[in-house]
Amino acid sequence: MPPTDWIRSEGEGAILRLRVAPNASKDAIEGVETAADGLSHLKIRVRAVPDKGAANAAVLKLLAKSLGVSKSALELISGHTARIKAVRVTGLASDEVGARLVDRPA
């Protein structure tokens, strides 16, 4: 079972901790991994380059598609220029978000 500290409940939604790899060969959600500091995060790769918010937009688009929600249900709340980002998801409980992103068929 993957670690669960990458996701936490907030109101009627969830906050996700992501590690984003821009300029990748494909857009993909790679799963949960634990960093050297002991914190886990959801690893995401996007083809977009980290220029003028293109990679951030690609991350939100990929998450929206994977979660089955509109992009307006997602908000980048920290890490606008960093690899480690926090995204707020509204309208889905944290356990549902986790199931849709991690426990999905390959």
N, C-alpha and C. Protein backbone atom coordinates (compact mmCIF):
# COMPACT_ATOMS: atom_id res chain seq x y z
N MET A 1 0.85 -1.19 0.00
CA MET A 1 0.00 0.00 0.00
C MET A 1 0.89 1.25 0.00
N PRO A 2 0.63 2.20 -0.93
CA PRO A 2 1.46 3.40 -1.00
C PRO A 2 1.22 4.31 0.19
N PRO A 3 2.22 5.14 0.53
CA PRO A 3 2.04 6.11 1.61
C PRO A 3 0.88 7.05 1.30
N THR A 4 0.30 7.62 2.33
CA THR A 4 -0.85 8.50 2.12
C THR A 4 -0.60 9.94 2.55
N ASP A 5 0.64 10.29 2.95
CA ASP A 5 0.86 11.66 3.37
C ASP A 5 0.97 12.65 2.21
N TRP A 6 0.88 12.19 0.97
CA TRP A 6 0.89 13.07 -0.19
C TRP A 6 -0.48 13.71 -0.42
N ILE A 7 -1.49 13.22 0.29
CA ILE A 7 -2.84 13.73 0.12
C ILE A 7 -3.46 13.95 1.49
N ARG A 8 -4.18 15.06 1.64
CA ARG A 8 -4.87 15.30 2.91
C ARG A 8 -6.22 15.96 2.62
N SER A 9 -7.16 15.69 3.51
CA SER A 9 -8.50 16.25 3.38
C SER A 9 -8.49 17.73 3.74
N GLU A 10 -9.32 18.48 3.04
CA GLU A 10 -9.53 19.88 3.36
C GLU A 10 -10.96 20.24 2.97
N GLY A 11 -11.80 20.44 3.96
CA GLY A 11 -13.20 20.78 3.67
C GLY A 11 -13.85 19.71 2.83
N GLU A 12 -14.41 20.13 1.70
CA GLU A 12 -15.05 19.19 0.78
C GLU A 12 -14.13 18.82 -0.37
N GLY A 13 -12.85 18.76 -0.08
CA GLY A 13 -11.88 18.45 -1.11
C GLY A 13 -10.61 17.87 -0.53
N ALA A 14 -9.52 18.08 -1.25
CA ALA A 14 -8.23 17.52 -0.84
C ALA A 14 -7.11 18.42 -1.32
N ILE A 15 -5.98 18.30 -0.64
CA ILE A 15 -4.74 18.95 -1.05
C ILE A 15 -3.76 17.84 -1.45
N LEU A 16 -3.17 17.97 -2.63
CA LEU A 16 -2.22 16.99 -3.13
C LEU A 16 -0.82 17.58 -3.14
N ARG A 17 0.18 16.78 -2.74
CA ARG A 17 1.58 17.18 -2.88
C ARG A 17 2.12 16.43 -4.10
N LEU A 18 2.65 17.19 -5.06
CA LEU A 18 3.11 16.62 -6.31
C LEU A 18 4.60 16.90 -6.51
N ARG A 19 5.25 16.02 -7.24
CA ARG A 19 6.59 16.30 -7.75
C ARG A 19 6.48 16.21 -9.26
N VAL A 20 6.73 17.34 -9.92
CA VAL A 20 6.50 17.44 -11.35
C VAL A 20 7.82 17.41 -12.11
N ALA A 21 7.86 16.60 -13.16
CA ALA A 21 9.01 16.54 -14.07
C ALA A 21 8.54 17.08 -15.42
N PRO A 22 8.89 18.34 -15.73
CA PRO A 22 8.49 18.91 -17.02
C PRO A 22 9.40 18.42 -18.14
N ASN A 23 9.02 18.73 -19.38
CA ASN A 23 9.84 18.41 -20.55
C ASN A 23 10.07 16.91 -20.68
N ALA A 24 9.08 16.11 -20.31
CA ALA A 24 9.17 14.65 -20.37
C ALA A 24 8.75 14.16 -21.76
N SER A 25 8.94 12.89 -22.01
CA SER A 25 8.57 12.33 -23.31
C SER A 25 7.07 12.10 -23.44
N LYS A 26 6.37 12.03 -22.30
CA LYS A 26 4.92 11.85 -22.34
C LYS A 26 4.30 12.40 -21.06
N ASP A 27 3.00 12.67 -21.10
CA ASP A 27 2.26 13.08 -19.92
C ASP A 27 1.84 11.82 -19.18
N ALA A 28 2.18 11.73 -17.88
CA ALA A 28 1.85 10.52 -17.13
C ALA A 28 1.86 10.78 -15.64
N ILE A 29 0.99 10.05 -14.95
CA ILE A 29 1.01 10.01 -13.49
C ILE A 29 1.77 8.74 -13.13
N GLU A 30 2.91 8.90 -12.48
CA GLU A 30 3.83 7.80 -12.24
C GLU A 30 3.57 7.04 -10.95
N GLY A 31 2.76 7.61 -10.05
CA GLY A 31 2.50 6.94 -8.78
C GLY A 31 3.11 7.70 -7.62
N VAL A 32 3.03 7.11 -6.45
CA VAL A 32 3.50 7.76 -5.22
C VAL A 32 4.92 7.29 -4.92
N GLU A 33 5.78 8.25 -4.56
CA GLU A 33 7.13 7.90 -4.13
C GLU A 33 7.50 8.73 -2.90
N THR A 34 8.45 8.23 -2.14
CA THR A 34 8.89 8.89 -0.92
C THR A 34 10.25 9.52 -1.17
N ALA A 35 10.37 10.80 -0.83
CA ALA A 35 11.61 11.54 -1.01
C ALA A 35 12.57 11.27 0.14
N ALA A 36 13.78 11.79 0.02
CA ALA A 36 14.81 11.60 1.04
C ALA A 36 14.40 12.22 2.38
N ASP A 37 13.56 13.25 2.35
CA ASP A 37 13.11 13.88 3.59
C ASP A 37 12.01 13.09 4.29
N GLY A 38 11.59 11.97 3.70
CA GLY A 38 10.57 11.12 4.30
C GLY A 38 9.15 11.44 3.89
N LEU A 39 8.96 12.55 3.16
CA LEU A 39 7.62 12.92 2.71
C LEU A 39 7.33 12.26 1.37
N SER A 40 6.11 11.83 1.18
CA SER A 40 5.74 11.23 -0.10
C SER A 40 5.05 12.27 -0.97
N HIS A 41 5.04 12.00 -2.25
CA HIS A 41 4.39 12.88 -3.21
C HIS A 41 3.96 12.05 -4.42
N LEU A 42 3.03 12.58 -5.17
CA LEU A 42 2.57 11.95 -6.40
C LEU A 42 3.47 12.46 -7.52
N LYS A 43 4.12 11.55 -8.21
CA LYS A 43 5.05 11.92 -9.27
C LYS A 43 4.29 12.05 -10.58
N ILE A 44 4.47 13.20 -11.23
CA ILE A 44 3.79 13.49 -12.48
C ILE A 44 4.81 13.96 -13.51
N ARG A 45 4.69 13.46 -14.73
CA ARG A 45 5.54 13.90 -15.84
C ARG A 45 4.63 14.59 -16.87
N VAL A 46 5.11 15.71 -17.40
CA VAL A 46 4.39 16.40 -18.47
C VAL A 46 5.35 16.77 -19.59
N ARG A 47 4.83 16.79 -20.81
CA ARG A 47 5.65 17.14 -21.98
C ARG A 47 5.96 18.63 -22.02
N ALA A 48 5.12 19.44 -21.44
CA ALA A 48 5.27 20.90 -21.51
C ALA A 48 6.57 21.35 -20.85
N VAL A 49 7.10 22.46 -21.36
CA VAL A 49 8.31 23.04 -20.78
C VAL A 49 7.92 23.96 -19.63
N PRO A 50 8.83 24.14 -18.67
CA PRO A 50 8.53 25.02 -17.53
C PRO A 50 8.74 26.49 -17.89
N ASP A 51 7.91 27.00 -18.79
CA ASP A 51 8.04 28.38 -19.26
C ASP A 51 6.67 29.04 -19.29
N LYS A 52 6.55 30.16 -18.62
CA LYS A 52 5.32 30.95 -18.61
C LYS A 52 4.10 30.14 -18.17
N GLY A 53 4.30 29.21 -17.25
CA GLY A 53 3.18 28.46 -16.69
C GLY A 53 2.69 27.30 -17.54
N ALA A 54 3.39 26.99 -18.62
CA ALA A 54 2.93 25.91 -19.51
C ALA A 54 2.93 24.56 -18.80
N ALA A 55 3.96 24.26 -18.03
CA ALA A 55 4.01 22.97 -17.33
C ALA A 55 2.93 22.90 -16.25
N ASN A 56 2.70 24.00 -15.54
CA ASN A 56 1.64 24.02 -14.52
C ASN A 56 0.28 23.78 -15.16
N ALA A 57 0.02 24.41 -16.29
CA ALA A 57 -1.26 24.21 -16.99
C ALA A 57 -1.40 22.76 -17.43
N ALA A 58 -0.31 22.15 -17.90
CA ALA A 58 -0.35 20.75 -18.33
C ALA A 58 -0.62 19.82 -17.15
N VAL A 59 -0.04 20.13 -15.99
CA VAL A 59 -0.28 19.33 -14.80
C VAL A 59 -1.76 19.37 -14.42
N LEU A 60 -2.34 20.57 -14.40
CA LEU A 60 -3.75 20.71 -14.03
C LEU A 60 -4.66 20.00 -15.05
N LYS A 61 -4.30 20.09 -16.32
CA LYS A 61 -5.09 19.43 -17.37
C LYS A 61 -5.04 17.91 -17.19
N LEU A 62 -3.84 17.36 -16.92
CA LEU A 62 -3.69 15.92 -16.72
C LEU A 62 -4.45 15.45 -15.48
N LEU A 63 -4.35 16.21 -14.39
CA LEU A 63 -5.08 15.85 -13.17
C LEU A 63 -6.58 15.90 -13.39
N ALA A 64 -7.06 16.94 -14.06
CA ALA A 64 -8.50 17.06 -14.32
C ALA A 64 -9.01 15.87 -15.12
N LYS A 65 -8.27 15.49 -16.15
CA LYS A 65 -8.68 14.35 -16.98
C LYS A 65 -8.66 13.06 -16.15
N SER A 66 -7.61 12.85 -15.36
CA SER A 66 -7.49 11.63 -14.57
C SER A 66 -8.54 11.53 -13.48
N LEU A 67 -8.90 12.68 -12.91
CA LEU A 67 -9.90 12.69 -11.83
C LEU A 67 -11.33 12.75 -12.36
N GLY A 68 -11.51 13.11 -13.62
CA GLY A 68 -12.85 13.23 -14.17
C GLY A 68 -13.57 14.48 -13.67
N VAL A 69 -12.79 15.56 -13.45
CA VAL A 69 -13.37 16.82 -13.00
C VAL A 69 -12.97 17.92 -13.97
N SER A 70 -13.62 19.07 -13.86
CA SER A 70 -13.24 20.20 -14.71
C SER A 70 -11.99 20.84 -14.15
N LYS A 71 -11.25 21.56 -15.01
CA LYS A 71 -10.04 22.24 -14.55
C LYS A 71 -10.35 23.28 -13.49
N SER A 72 -11.58 23.80 -13.46
CA SER A 72 -11.94 24.80 -12.46
C SER A 72 -12.04 24.20 -11.05
N ALA A 73 -12.09 22.87 -10.95
CA ALA A 73 -12.11 22.20 -9.64
C ALA A 73 -10.71 22.05 -9.06
N LEU A 74 -9.69 22.48 -9.81
CA LEU A 74 -8.30 22.36 -9.38
C LEU A 74 -7.68 23.74 -9.24
N GLU A 75 -6.81 23.88 -8.23
CA GLU A 75 -6.11 25.15 -8.03
C GLU A 75 -4.69 24.86 -7.57
N LEU A 76 -3.72 25.43 -8.27
CA LEU A 76 -2.33 25.34 -7.85
C LEU A 76 -2.14 26.33 -6.72
N ILE A 77 -1.85 25.84 -5.51
CA ILE A 77 -1.78 26.74 -4.36
C ILE A 77 -0.36 27.04 -3.91
N SER A 78 0.62 26.22 -4.31
CA SER A 78 2.02 26.55 -4.03
C SER A 78 2.92 25.81 -5.00
N GLY A 79 4.14 26.33 -5.13
CA GLY A 79 5.12 25.70 -6.02
C GLY A 79 5.00 26.12 -7.46
N HIS A 80 4.56 27.34 -7.71
CA HIS A 80 4.38 27.80 -9.08
C HIS A 80 5.65 27.70 -9.92
N THR A 81 6.82 27.87 -9.31
CA THR A 81 8.08 27.79 -10.05
C THR A 81 8.98 26.68 -9.52
N ALA A 82 8.42 25.76 -8.75
CA ALA A 82 9.21 24.67 -8.17
C ALA A 82 8.71 23.32 -8.68
N ARG A 83 9.51 22.29 -8.49
CA ARG A 83 9.08 20.94 -8.87
C ARG A 83 8.06 20.37 -7.90
N ILE A 84 8.20 20.71 -6.61
CA ILE A 84 7.24 20.26 -5.61
C ILE A 84 6.10 21.26 -5.57
N LYS A 85 4.88 20.80 -5.80
CA LYS A 85 3.72 21.66 -5.90
C LYS A 85 2.61 21.16 -4.99
N ALA A 86 1.70 22.05 -4.63
CA ALA A 86 0.50 21.67 -3.90
C ALA A 86 -0.70 22.09 -4.74
N VAL A 87 -1.64 21.18 -4.91
CA VAL A 87 -2.84 21.44 -5.70
C VAL A 87 -4.06 21.13 -4.85
N ARG A 88 -5.02 22.05 -4.85
CA ARG A 88 -6.29 21.86 -4.16
C ARG A 88 -7.31 21.29 -5.15
N VAL A 89 -7.98 20.23 -4.72
CA VAL A 89 -9.06 19.63 -5.50
C VAL A 89 -10.35 19.87 -4.73
N THR A 90 -11.34 20.47 -5.38
CA THR A 90 -12.62 20.67 -4.71
C THR A 90 -13.68 19.76 -5.32
N GLY A 91 -14.59 19.32 -4.46
CA GLY A 91 -15.70 18.50 -4.93
C GLY A 91 -15.49 17.00 -4.84
N LEU A 92 -14.29 16.56 -4.47
CA LEU A 92 -14.02 15.13 -4.30
C LEU A 92 -13.34 14.91 -2.96
N ALA A 93 -13.74 13.89 -2.23
CA ALA A 93 -13.09 13.56 -0.97
C ALA A 93 -11.70 13.00 -1.24
N SER A 94 -10.81 13.12 -0.27
CA SER A 94 -9.42 12.69 -0.45
C SER A 94 -9.30 11.21 -0.79
N ASP A 95 -10.15 10.36 -0.19
CA ASP A 95 -10.06 8.93 -0.51
C ASP A 95 -10.47 8.66 -1.96
N GLU A 96 -11.43 9.42 -2.47
CA GLU A 96 -11.85 9.27 -3.87
C GLU A 96 -10.75 9.75 -4.81
N VAL A 97 -10.12 10.87 -4.46
CA VAL A 97 -9.01 11.39 -5.27
C VAL A 97 -7.88 10.36 -5.32
N GLY A 98 -7.52 9.82 -4.16
CA GLY A 98 -6.47 8.81 -4.11
C GLY A 98 -6.80 7.59 -4.94
N ALA A 99 -8.03 7.14 -4.86
CA ALA A 99 -8.45 5.97 -5.63
C ALA A 99 -8.36 6.23 -7.12
N ARG A 100 -8.76 7.42 -7.55
CA ARG A 100 -8.75 7.73 -8.98
C ARG A 100 -7.34 7.94 -9.53
N LEU A 101 -6.42 8.39 -8.69
CA LEU A 101 -5.06 8.68 -9.19
C LEU A 101 -4.08 7.53 -8.99
N VAL A 102 -4.20 6.80 -7.90
CA VAL A 102 -3.19 5.78 -7.57
C VAL A 102 -3.72 4.37 -7.78
N ASP A 103 -4.95 4.13 -7.41
CA ASP A 103 -5.50 2.78 -7.47
C ASP A 103 -6.21 2.50 -8.79
N ARG A 104 -5.76 3.15 -9.84
CA ARG A 104 -6.41 2.98 -11.15
C ARG A 104 -5.66 1.94 -11.97
N PRO A 105 -6.33 1.33 -12.92
CA PRO A 105 -5.66 0.34 -13.75
C PRO A 105 -4.56 1.00 -14.58
N ALA A 106 -3.51 0.27 -14.85
CA ALA A 106 -2.38 0.80 -15.62
C ALA A 106 -2.72 0.95 -17.08
